[in-house]
């Protein structure tokens, strides 16, 4: 196969486009993960969490935001960070349950 371009070929069709994500927007989640790491241990959540409890926690933080609160009383961190964490936790366990692989345990 010949090409007139000075760049090598890349076949990326259908692959995840990580450049579409805003990493700065994930900082509140990282801060909550750091808080959890101090409170429990690094990656403690990967040991397993009840999915209903994850959703309950997500809903409590969402309700707090809906009620005009910006920060969680216990951690002092923004509710959005807790919501993002819980959404990630839920996604992790959903993918694990579906056997989608690619998840480091």
PDB file of N, CA and C in Angstrom:
ATOM      1  N   UNK A   1       0.856  -1.179   0.000  1.00  0.00           N
ATOM      2  CA  UNK A   1       0.000   0.000   0.000  1.00  0.00           C
ATOM      3  C   UNK A   1       0.893   1.229   0.000  1.00  0.00           C
ATOM      4  N   UNK A   2       0.681   2.123  -0.902  1.00  0.00           N
ATOM      5  CA  UNK A   2       1.484   3.341  -0.939  1.00  0.00           C
ATOM      6  C   UNK A   2       0.641   4.516  -0.467  1.00  0.00           C
ATOM      7  N   UNK A   3       1.344   5.504   0.060  1.00  0.00           N
ATOM      8  CA  UNK A   3       0.656   6.693   0.565  1.00  0.00           C
ATOM      9  C   UNK A   3       1.478   7.919   0.223  1.00  0.00           C
ATOM     10  N   UNK A   4       0.801   9.022   0.036  1.00  0.00           N
ATOM     11  CA  UNK A   4       1.502  10.259  -0.278  1.00  0.00           C
ATOM     12  C   UNK A   4       1.733  11.102   0.967  1.00  0.00           C
ATOM     13  N   UNK A   5       1.216  10.662   2.089  1.00  0.00           N
ATOM     14  CA  UNK A   5       1.365  11.392   3.345  1.00  0.00           C
ATOM     15  C   UNK A   5       2.732  11.117   3.957  1.00  0.00           C
ATOM     16  N   UNK A   6       3.229  12.075   4.740  1.00  0.00           N
ATOM     17  CA  UNK A   6       4.487  11.906   5.457  1.00  0.00           C
ATOM     18  C   UNK A   6       4.272  11.282   6.828  1.00  0.00           C
ATOM     19  N   UNK A   7       3.040  10.972   7.155  1.00  0.00           N
ATOM     20  CA  UNK A   7       2.723  10.373   8.448  1.00  0.00           C
ATOM     21  C   UNK A   7       2.383   8.901   8.273  1.00  0.00           C
ATOM     22  N   UNK A   8       2.656   8.143   9.343  1.00  0.00           N
ATOM     23  CA  UNK A   8       2.308   6.724   9.335  1.00  0.00           C
ATOM     24  C   UNK A   8       0.802   6.525   9.407  1.00  0.00           C
ATOM     25  N   UNK A   9       0.375   5.368   9.015  1.00  0.00           N
ATOM     26  CA  UNK A   9      -1.041   5.026   9.057  1.00  0.00           C
ATOM     27  C   UNK A   9      -1.470   4.664  10.470  1.00  0.00           C
ATOM     28  N   UNK A  10      -2.692   5.003  10.807  1.00  0.00           N
ATOM     29  CA  UNK A  10      -3.299   4.627  12.082  1.00  0.00           C
ATOM     30  C   UNK A  10      -4.715   4.178  11.785  1.00  0.00           C
ATOM     31  N   UNK A  11      -5.102   3.051  12.324  1.00  0.00           N
ATOM     32  CA  UNK A  11      -6.452   2.545  12.147  1.00  0.00           C
ATOM     33  C   UNK A  11      -7.184   2.671  13.474  1.00  0.00           C
ATOM     34  N   UNK A  12      -7.806   3.814  13.701  1.00  0.00           N
ATOM     35  CA  UNK A  12      -8.446   4.109  14.984  1.00  0.00           C
ATOM     36  C   UNK A  12      -9.962   4.150  14.920  1.00  0.00           C
ATOM     37  N   UNK A  13     -10.526   3.783  13.821  1.00  0.00           N
ATOM     38  CA  UNK A  13     -11.986   3.804  13.691  1.00  0.00           C
ATOM     39  C   UNK A  13     -12.607   2.919  14.768  1.00  0.00           C
ATOM     40  N   UNK A  14     -13.587   3.446  15.464  1.00  0.00           N
ATOM     41  CA  UNK A  14     -14.310   2.698  16.479  1.00  0.00           C
ATOM     42  C   UNK A  14     -13.637   2.664  17.837  1.00  0.00           C
ATOM     43  N   UNK A  15     -12.453   3.240  17.958  1.00  0.00           N
ATOM     44  CA  UNK A  15     -11.750   3.254  19.248  1.00  0.00           C
ATOM     45  C   UNK A  15     -12.194   4.459  20.074  1.00  0.00           C
ATOM     46  N   UNK A  16     -12.038   4.328  21.374  1.00  0.00           N
ATOM     47  CA  UNK A  16     -12.430   5.423  22.263  1.00  0.00           C
ATOM     48  C   UNK A  16     -11.625   6.681  21.973  1.00  0.00           C
ATOM     49  N   UNK A  17     -12.313   7.815  21.976  1.00  0.00           N
ATOM     50  CA  UNK A  17     -11.680   9.108  21.731  1.00  0.00           C
ATOM     51  C   UNK A  17     -11.570   9.863  23.053  1.00  0.00           C
ATOM     52  N   UNK A  18     -10.530   9.536  23.825  1.00  0.00           N
ATOM     53  CA  UNK A  18     -10.329  10.110  25.153  1.00  0.00           C
ATOM     54  C   UNK A  18     -10.147  11.620  25.112  1.00  0.00           C
ATOM     55  N   UNK A  19      -9.770  12.163  23.986  1.00  0.00           N
ATOM     56  CA  UNK A  19      -9.575  13.610  23.880  1.00  0.00           C
ATOM     57  C   UNK A  19     -10.894  14.382  24.003  1.00  0.00           C
ATOM     58  N   UNK A  20     -12.008  13.688  23.934  1.00  0.00           N
ATOM     59  CA  UNK A  20     -13.307  14.342  24.075  1.00  0.00           C
ATOM     60  C   UNK A  20     -13.658  14.634  25.536  1.00  0.00           C
ATOM     61  N   UNK A  21     -12.938  13.999  26.464  1.00  0.00           N
ATOM     62  CA  UNK A  21     -13.246  14.166  27.886  1.00  0.00           C
ATOM     63  C   UNK A  21     -12.521  15.381  28.461  1.00  0.00           C
ATOM     64  N   UNK A  22     -13.170  16.067  29.383  1.00  0.00           N
ATOM     65  CA  UNK A  22     -12.563  17.190  30.091  1.00  0.00           C
ATOM     66  C   UNK A  22     -11.989  16.673  31.405  1.00  0.00           C
ATOM     67  N   UNK A  23     -10.682  16.516  31.468  1.00  0.00           N
ATOM     68  CA  UNK A  23     -10.033  15.956  32.649  1.00  0.00           C
ATOM     69  C   UNK A  23     -10.147  16.880  33.855  1.00  0.00           C
ATOM     70  N   UNK A  24     -10.169  18.174  33.635  1.00  0.00           N
ATOM     71  CA  UNK A  24     -10.316  19.140  34.734  1.00  0.00           C
ATOM     72  C   UNK A  24     -11.654  18.930  35.444  1.00  0.00           C
ATOM     73  N   UNK A  25     -12.678  18.569  34.692  1.00  0.00           N
ATOM     74  CA  UNK A  25     -14.003  18.342  35.270  1.00  0.00           C
ATOM     75  C   UNK A  25     -14.019  17.127  36.188  1.00  0.00           C
ATOM     76  N   UNK A  26     -13.022  16.256  36.067  1.00  0.00           N
ATOM     77  CA  UNK A  26     -12.953  15.051  36.892  1.00  0.00           C
ATOM     78  C   UNK A  26     -12.226  15.290  38.221  1.00  0.00           C
ATOM     79  N   UNK A  27     -11.640  16.479  38.407  1.00  0.00           N
ATOM     80  CA  UNK A  27     -10.895  16.756  39.631  1.00  0.00           C
ATOM     81  C   UNK A  27     -11.714  16.593  40.905  1.00  0.00           C
ATOM     82  N   UNK A  28     -12.994  17.020  40.943  1.00  0.00           N
ATOM     83  CA  UNK A  28     -13.777  16.779  42.165  1.00  0.00           C
ATOM     84  C   UNK A  28     -13.894  15.292  42.499  1.00  0.00           C
ATOM     85  N   UNK A  29     -13.990  14.445  41.487  1.00  0.00           N
ATOM     86  CA  UNK A  29     -14.056  13.008  41.709  1.00  0.00           C
ATOM     87  C   UNK A  29     -12.727  12.508  42.285  1.00  0.00           C
ATOM     88  N   UNK A  30     -11.623  12.966  41.742  1.00  0.00           N
ATOM     89  CA  UNK A  30     -10.308  12.545  42.230  1.00  0.00           C
ATOM     90  C   UNK A  30     -10.135  12.957  43.685  1.00  0.00           C
ATOM     91  N   UNK A  31     -10.610  14.152  44.047  1.00  0.00           N
ATOM     92  CA  UNK A  31     -10.504  14.606  45.445  1.00  0.00           C
ATOM     93  C   UNK A  31     -11.319  13.704  46.385  1.00  0.00           C
ATOM     94  N   UNK A  32     -12.483  13.275  45.928  1.00  0.00           N
ATOM     95  CA  UNK A  32     -13.298  12.356  46.734  1.00  0.00           C
ATOM     96  C   UNK A  32     -12.591  11.006  46.854  1.00  0.00           C
ATOM     97  N   UNK A  33     -11.990  10.539  45.775  1.00  0.00           N
ATOM     98  CA  UNK A  33     -11.243   9.279  45.832  1.00  0.00           C
ATOM     99  C   UNK A  33     -10.069   9.387  46.805  1.00  0.00           C
ATOM    100  N   UNK A  34      -9.417  10.535  46.833  1.00  0.00           N
ATOM    101  CA  UNK A  34      -8.310  10.750  47.769  1.00  0.00           C
ATOM    102  C   UNK A  34      -8.816  10.768  49.212  1.00  0.00           C
ATOM    103  N   UNK A  35      -9.976  11.392  49.427  1.00  0.00           N
ATOM    104  CA  UNK A  35     -10.594  11.397  50.758  1.00  0.00           C
ATOM    105  C   UNK A  35     -10.903   9.962  51.192  1.00  0.00           C
ATOM    106  N   UNK A  36     -11.491   9.181  50.282  1.00  0.00           N
ATOM    107  CA  UNK A  36     -11.813   7.791  50.577  1.00  0.00           C
ATOM    108  C   UNK A  36     -10.568   6.961  50.835  1.00  0.00           C
ATOM    109  N   UNK A  37      -9.506   7.284  50.133  1.00  0.00           N
ATOM    110  CA  UNK A  37      -8.247   6.567  50.317  1.00  0.00           C
ATOM    111  C   UNK A  37      -7.691   6.785  51.725  1.00  0.00           C
ATOM    112  N   UNK A  38      -7.837   8.002  52.232  1.00  0.00           N
ATOM    113  CA  UNK A  38      -7.385   8.298  53.596  1.00  0.00           C
ATOM    114  C   UNK A  38      -8.308   7.657  54.634  1.00  0.00           C
ATOM    115  N   UNK A  39      -9.601   7.686  54.355  1.00  0.00           N
ATOM    116  CA  UNK A  39     -10.585   7.152  55.304  1.00  0.00           C
ATOM    117  C   UNK A  39     -10.552   5.626  55.357  1.00  0.00           C
ATOM    118  N   UNK A  40     -10.397   4.989  54.214  1.00  0.00           N
ATOM    119  CA  UNK A  40     -10.452   3.530  54.136  1.00  0.00           C
ATOM    120  C   UNK A  40      -9.089   2.970  53.732  1.00  0.00           C
ATOM    121  N   UNK A  41      -8.780   3.034  52.434  1.00  0.00           N
ATOM    122  CA  UNK A  41      -7.517   2.564  51.889  1.00  0.00           C
ATOM    123  C   UNK A  41      -7.565   2.792  50.382  1.00  0.00           C
ATOM    124  N   UNK A  42      -6.406   2.809  49.741  1.00  0.00           N
ATOM    125  CA  UNK A  42      -6.373   2.936  48.288  1.00  0.00           C
ATOM    126  C   UNK A  42      -7.179   1.800  47.659  1.00  0.00           C
ATOM    127  N   UNK A  43      -8.014   2.142  46.723  1.00  0.00           N
ATOM    128  CA  UNK A  43      -8.793   1.174  45.948  1.00  0.00           C
ATOM    129  C   UNK A  43      -9.719   0.297  46.802  1.00  0.00           C
ATOM    130  N   UNK A  44     -10.050   0.747  47.997  1.00  0.00           N
ATOM    131  CA  UNK A  44     -10.962  -0.017  48.861  1.00  0.00           C
ATOM    132  C   UNK A  44     -12.269  -0.333  48.150  1.00  0.00           C
ATOM    133  N   UNK A  45     -12.778   0.612  47.374  1.00  0.00           N
ATOM    134  CA  UNK A  45     -14.058   0.434  46.704  1.00  0.00           C
ATOM    135  C   UNK A  45     -14.044  -0.731  45.716  1.00  0.00           C
ATOM    136  N   UNK A  46     -12.854  -1.078  45.196  1.00  0.00           N
ATOM    137  CA  UNK A  46     -12.768  -2.162  44.224  1.00  0.00           C
ATOM    138  C   UNK A  46     -12.974  -3.536  44.860  1.00  0.00           C
ATOM    139  N   UNK A  47     -12.969  -3.578  46.193  1.00  0.00           N
ATOM    140  CA  UNK A  47     -13.210  -4.852  46.888  1.00  0.00           C
ATOM    141  C   UNK A  47     -14.661  -5.289  46.753  1.00  0.00           C
ATOM    142  N   UNK A  48     -15.506  -4.366  46.370  1.00  0.00           N
ATOM    143  CA  UNK A  48     -16.914  -4.674  46.171  1.00  0.00           C
ATOM    144  C   UNK A  48     -17.816  -3.750  46.951  1.00  0.00           C
ATOM    145  N   UNK A  49     -18.842  -3.274  46.313  1.00  0.00           N
ATOM    146  CA  UNK A  49     -19.852  -2.416  46.932  1.00  0.00           C
ATOM    147  C   UNK A  49     -21.224  -2.867  46.435  1.00  0.00           C
ATOM    148  N   UNK A  50     -22.196  -2.737  47.283  1.00  0.00           N
ATOM    149  CA  UNK A  50     -23.567  -3.058  46.914  1.00  0.00           C
ATOM    150  C   UNK A  50     -24.077  -1.988  45.945  1.00  0.00           C
ATOM    151  N   UNK A  51     -24.592  -2.415  44.805  1.00  0.00           N
ATOM    152  CA  UNK A  51     -25.035  -1.451  43.786  1.00  0.00           C
ATOM    153  C   UNK A  51     -26.168  -0.556  44.277  1.00  0.00           C
ATOM    154  N   UNK A  52     -27.066  -1.094  45.082  1.00  0.00           N
ATOM    155  CA  UNK A  52     -28.164  -0.272  45.613  1.00  0.00           C
ATOM    156  C   UNK A  52     -27.598   0.800  46.536  1.00  0.00           C
ATOM    157  N   UNK A  53     -26.622   0.443  47.363  1.00  0.00           N
ATOM    158  CA  UNK A  53     -26.000   1.435  48.251  1.00  0.00           C
ATOM    159  C   UNK A  53     -25.267   2.512  47.454  1.00  0.00           C
ATOM    160  N   UNK A  54     -24.655   2.121  46.350  1.00  0.00           N
ATOM    161  CA  UNK A  54     -24.008   3.115  45.485  1.00  0.00           C
ATOM    162  C   UNK A  54     -25.044   4.102  44.973  1.00  0.00           C
ATOM    163  N   UNK A  55     -26.176   3.573  44.489  1.00  0.00           N
ATOM    164  CA  UNK A  55     -27.224   4.451  43.955  1.00  0.00           C
ATOM    165  C   UNK A  55     -27.850   5.310  45.051  1.00  0.00           C
ATOM    166  N   UNK A  56     -27.990   4.746  46.252  1.00  0.00           N
ATOM    167  CA  UNK A  56     -28.521   5.523  47.382  1.00  0.00           C
ATOM    168  C   UNK A  56     -27.601   6.703  47.686  1.00  0.00           C
ATOM    169  N   UNK A  57     -26.307   6.440  47.720  1.00  0.00           N
ATOM    170  CA  UNK A  57     -25.333   7.501  47.990  1.00  0.00           C
ATOM    171  C   UNK A  57     -25.365   8.555  46.887  1.00  0.00           C
ATOM    172  N   UNK A  58     -25.389   8.107  45.645  1.00  0.00           N
ATOM    173  CA  UNK A  58     -25.471   9.047  44.527  1.00  0.00           C
ATOM    174  C   UNK A  58     -26.715   9.918  44.659  1.00  0.00           C
ATOM    175  N   UNK A  59     -27.834   9.302  44.999  1.00  0.00           N
ATOM    176  CA  UNK A  59     -29.092  10.046  45.134  1.00  0.00           C
ATOM    177  C   UNK A  59     -29.039  11.044  46.286  1.00  0.00           C
ATOM    178  N   UNK A  60     -28.421  10.662  47.409  1.00  0.00           N
ATOM    179  CA  UNK A  60     -28.303  11.602  48.542  1.00  0.00           C
ATOM    180  C   UNK A  60     -27.513  12.845  48.142  1.00  0.00           C
ATOM    181  N   UNK A  61     -26.423  12.649  47.405  1.00  0.00           N
ATOM    182  CA  UNK A  61     -25.618  13.792  46.972  1.00  0.00           C
ATOM    183  C   UNK A  61     -26.350  14.622  45.928  1.00  0.00           C
ATOM    184  N   UNK A  62     -27.085  13.958  45.056  1.00  0.00           N
ATOM    185  CA  UNK A  62     -27.887  14.678  44.070  1.00  0.00           C
ATOM    186  C   UNK A  62     -28.984  15.479  44.768  1.00  0.00           C
ATOM    187  N   UNK A  63     -29.637  14.864  45.754  1.00  0.00           N
ATOM    188  CA  UNK A  63     -30.682  15.575  46.509  1.00  0.00           C
ATOM    189  C   UNK A  63     -30.082  16.780  47.238  1.00  0.00           C
ATOM    190  N   UNK A  64     -28.893  16.607  47.783  1.00  0.00           N
ATOM    191  CA  UNK A  64     -28.227  17.742  48.430  1.00  0.00           C
ATOM    192  C   UNK A  64     -28.034  18.893  47.457  1.00  0.00           C
ATOM    193  N   UNK A  65     -27.574  18.574  46.265  1.00  0.00           N
ATOM    194  CA  UNK A  65     -27.405  19.626  45.242  1.00  0.00           C
ATOM    195  C   UNK A  65     -28.742  20.238  44.857  1.00  0.00           C
ATOM    196  N   UNK A  66     -29.772  19.388  44.716  1.00  0.00           N
ATOM    197  CA  UNK A  66     -31.097  19.894  44.349  1.00  0.00           C
ATOM    198  C   UNK A  66     -31.660  20.808  45.431  1.00  0.00           C
ATOM    199  N   UNK A  67     -31.230  20.584  46.670  1.00  0.00           N
ATOM    200  CA  UNK A  67     -31.669  21.421  47.788  1.00  0.00           C
ATOM    201  C   UNK A  67     -30.794  22.649  47.983  1.00  0.00           C
ATOM    202  N   UNK A  68     -29.874  22.889  47.052  1.00  0.00           N
ATOM    203  CA  UNK A  68     -29.058  24.090  47.099  1.00  0.00           C
ATOM    204  C   UNK A  68     -27.731  23.936  47.831  1.00  0.00           C
ATOM    205  N   UNK A  69     -27.433  22.739  48.320  1.00  0.00           N
ATOM    206  CA  UNK A  69     -26.142  22.515  48.973  1.00  0.00           C
ATOM    207  C   UNK A  69     -25.071  22.354  47.899  1.00  0.00           C
ATOM    208  N   UNK A  70     -23.878  22.810  48.194  1.00  0.00           N
ATOM    209  CA  UNK A  70     -22.782  22.638  47.250  1.00  0.00           C
ATOM    210  C   UNK A  70     -21.787  21.583  47.722  1.00  0.00           C
ATOM    211  N   UNK A  71     -21.659  21.441  49.059  1.00  0.00           N
ATOM    212  CA  UNK A  71     -20.637  20.561  49.610  1.00  0.00           C
ATOM    213  C   UNK A  71     -21.221  19.542  50.591  1.00  0.00           C
ATOM    214  N   UNK A  72     -20.577  18.392  50.650  1.00  0.00           N
ATOM    215  CA  UNK A  72     -20.931  17.329  51.572  1.00  0.00           C
ATOM    216  C   UNK A  72     -20.486  17.704  52.983  1.00  0.00           C
ATOM    217  N   UNK A  73     -21.325  17.458  53.966  1.00  0.00           N
ATOM    218  CA  UNK A  73     -20.998  17.807  55.358  1.00  0.00           C
ATOM    219  C   UNK A  73     -19.814  17.027  55.902  1.00  0.00           C
ATOM    220  N   UNK A  74     -19.742  15.732  55.627  1.00  0.00           N
ATOM    221  CA  UNK A  74     -18.676  14.900  56.193  1.00  0.00           C
ATOM    222  C   UNK A  74     -17.311  15.195  55.585  1.00  0.00           C
ATOM    223  N   UNK A  75     -17.235  15.202  54.270  1.00  0.00           N
ATOM    224  CA  UNK A  75     -15.941  15.358  53.604  1.00  0.00           C
ATOM    225  C   UNK A  75     -15.558  16.812  53.375  1.00  0.00           C
ATOM    226  N   UNK A  76     -16.562  17.681  53.303  1.00  0.00           N
ATOM    227  CA  UNK A  76     -16.303  19.078  52.969  1.00  0.00           C
ATOM    228  C   UNK A  76     -16.046  19.282  51.484  1.00  0.00           C
ATOM    229  N   UNK A  77     -16.211  18.224  50.711  1.00  0.00           N
ATOM    230  CA  UNK A  77     -15.956  18.280  49.275  1.00  0.00           C
ATOM    231  C   UNK A  77     -17.257  18.489  48.504  1.00  0.00           C
ATOM    232  N   UNK A  78     -17.157  19.005  47.288  1.00  0.00           N
ATOM    233  CA  UNK A  78     -18.365  19.243  46.496  1.00  0.00           C
ATOM    234  C   UNK A  78     -19.168  17.957  46.251  1.00  0.00           C
ATOM    235  N   UNK A  79     -20.485  18.107  46.320  1.00  0.00           N
ATOM    236  CA  UNK A  79     -21.382  16.976  46.045  1.00  0.00           C
ATOM    237  C   UNK A  79     -21.102  16.375  44.670  1.00  0.00           C
ATOM    238  N   UNK A  80     -20.764  17.213  43.691  1.00  0.00           N
ATOM    239  CA  UNK A  80     -20.555  16.702  42.338  1.00  0.00           C
ATOM    240  C   UNK A  80     -19.442  15.653  42.305  1.00  0.00           C
ATOM    241  N   UNK A  81     -18.418  15.811  43.128  1.00  0.00           N
ATOM    242  CA  UNK A  81     -17.342  14.826  43.194  1.00  0.00           C
ATOM    243  C   UNK A  81     -17.844  13.483  43.685  1.00  0.00           C
ATOM    244  N   UNK A  82     -18.736  13.523  44.685  1.00  0.00           N
ATOM    245  CA  UNK A  82     -19.321  12.286  45.209  1.00  0.00           C
ATOM    246  C   UNK A  82     -20.241  11.642  44.176  1.00  0.00           C
ATOM    247  N   UNK A  83     -20.973  12.456  43.449  1.00  0.00           N
ATOM    248  CA  UNK A  83     -21.859  11.943  42.401  1.00  0.00           C
ATOM    249  C   UNK A  83     -21.035  11.263  41.309  1.00  0.00           C
ATOM    250  N   UNK A  84     -19.961  11.920  40.882  1.00  0.00           N
ATOM    251  CA  UNK A  84     -19.090  11.344  39.859  1.00  0.00           C
ATOM    252  C   UNK A  84     -18.473  10.031  40.332  1.00  0.00           C
ATOM    253  N   UNK A  85     -18.032   9.994  41.584  1.00  0.00           N
ATOM    254  CA  UNK A  85     -17.455   8.769  42.145  1.00  0.00           C
ATOM    255  C   UNK A  85     -18.466   7.636  42.136  1.00  0.00           C
ATOM    256  N   UNK A  86     -19.650   7.917  42.632  1.00  0.00           N
ATOM    257  CA  UNK A  86     -20.672   6.881  42.686  1.00  0.00           C
ATOM    258  C   UNK A  86     -21.055   6.402  41.289  1.00  0.00           C
ATOM    259  N   UNK A  87     -21.099   7.310  40.328  1.00  0.00           N
ATOM    260  CA  UNK A  87     -21.397   6.908  38.950  1.00  0.00           C
ATOM    261  C   UNK A  87     -20.277   6.014  38.415  1.00  0.00           C
ATOM    262  N   UNK A  88     -19.032   6.350  38.733  1.00  0.00           N
ATOM    263  CA  UNK A  88     -17.911   5.524  38.305  1.00  0.00           C
ATOM    264  C   UNK A  88     -17.950   4.158  38.978  1.00  0.00           C
ATOM    265  N   UNK A  89     -18.224   4.152  40.304  1.00  0.00           N
ATOM    266  CA  UNK A  89     -18.321   2.882  41.018  1.00  0.00           C
ATOM    267  C   UNK A  89     -19.378   1.991  40.367  1.00  0.00           C
ATOM    268  N   UNK A  90     -20.542   2.566  40.127  1.00  0.00           N
ATOM    269  CA  UNK A  90     -21.643   1.797  39.548  1.00  0.00           C
ATOM    270  C   UNK A  90     -21.252   1.246  38.173  1.00  0.00           C
ATOM    271  N   UNK A  91     -20.664   2.100  37.347  1.00  0.00           N
ATOM    272  CA  UNK A  91     -20.238   1.683  36.021  1.00  0.00           C
ATOM    273  C   UNK A  91     -19.214   0.549  36.111  1.00  0.00           C
ATOM    274  N   UNK A  92     -18.279   0.665  37.036  1.00  0.00           N
ATOM    275  CA  UNK A  92     -17.256  -0.362  37.230  1.00  0.00           C
ATOM    276  C   UNK A  92     -17.894  -1.719  37.519  1.00  0.00           C
ATOM    277  N   UNK A  93     -18.813  -1.744  38.461  1.00  0.00           N
ATOM    278  CA  UNK A  93     -19.423  -3.016  38.846  1.00  0.00           C
ATOM    279  C   UNK A  93     -20.404  -3.537  37.794  1.00  0.00           C
ATOM    280  N   UNK A  94     -21.046  -2.645  37.065  1.00  0.00           N
ATOM    281  CA  UNK A  94     -21.913  -3.079  35.963  1.00  0.00           C
ATOM    282  C   UNK A  94     -21.069  -3.760  34.892  1.00  0.00           C
ATOM    283  N   UNK A  95     -19.953  -3.144  34.517  1.00  0.00           N
ATOM    284  CA  UNK A  95     -19.083  -3.726  33.494  1.00  0.00           C
ATOM    285  C   UNK A  95     -18.485  -5.045  33.976  1.00  0.00           C
ATOM    286  N   UNK A  96     -18.113  -5.078  35.244  1.00  0.00           N
ATOM    287  CA  UNK A  96     -17.542  -6.302  35.808  1.00  0.00           C
ATOM    288  C   UNK A  96     -18.586  -7.429  35.779  1.00  0.00           C
ATOM    289  N   UNK A  97     -19.813  -7.102  36.162  1.00  0.00           N
ATOM    290  CA  UNK A  97     -20.897  -8.099  36.179  1.00  0.00           C
ATOM    291  C   UNK A  97     -21.219  -8.592  34.769  1.00  0.00           C
ATOM    292  N   UNK A  98     -21.062  -7.712  33.784  1.00  0.00           N
ATOM    293  CA  UNK A  98     -21.360  -8.083  32.393  1.00  0.00           C
ATOM    294  C   UNK A  98     -20.176  -8.746  31.716  1.00  0.00           C
ATOM    295  N   UNK A  99     -19.062  -8.862  32.444  1.00  0.00           N
ATOM    296  CA  UNK A  99     -17.888  -9.517  31.896  1.00  0.00           C
ATOM    297  C   UNK A  99     -17.256  -8.768  30.740  1.00  0.00           C
ATOM    298  N   UNK A 100     -17.307  -7.435  30.808  1.00  0.00           N
ATOM    299  CA  UNK A 100     -16.765  -6.634  29.720  1.00  0.00           C
ATOM    300  C   UNK A 100     -15.245  -6.541  29.749  1.00  0.00           C
ATOM    301  N   UNK A 101     -14.638  -6.944  30.848  1.00  0.00           N
ATOM    302  CA  UNK A 101     -13.180  -6.986  30.923  1.00  0.00           C
ATOM    303  C   UNK A 101     -12.553  -5.600  30.932  1.00  0.00           C
ATOM    304  N   UNK A 102     -11.221  -5.588  30.925  1.00  0.00           N
ATOM    305  CA  UNK A 102     -10.489  -4.328  30.887  1.00  0.00           C
ATOM    306  C   UNK A 102     -10.476  -3.607  32.210  1.00  0.00           C
ATOM    307  N   UNK A 103     -10.946  -4.248  33.264  1.00  0.00           N
ATOM    308  CA  UNK A 103     -11.010  -3.593  34.562  1.00  0.00           C
ATOM    309  C   UNK A 103      -9.933  -4.161  35.472  1.00  0.00           C
ATOM    310  N   UNK A 104      -9.071  -3.282  35.950  1.00  0.00           N
ATOM    311  CA  UNK A 104      -7.996  -3.706  36.857  1.00  0.00           C
ATOM    312  C   UNK A 104      -8.568  -3.906  38.256  1.00  0.00           C
ATOM    313  N   UNK A 105      -8.331  -5.050  38.812  1.00  0.00           N
ATOM    314  CA  UNK A 105      -8.792  -5.322  40.185  1.00  0.00           C
ATOM    315  C   UNK A 105      -7.605  -5.488  41.107  1.00  0.00           C
TER     316      UNK A 105
END
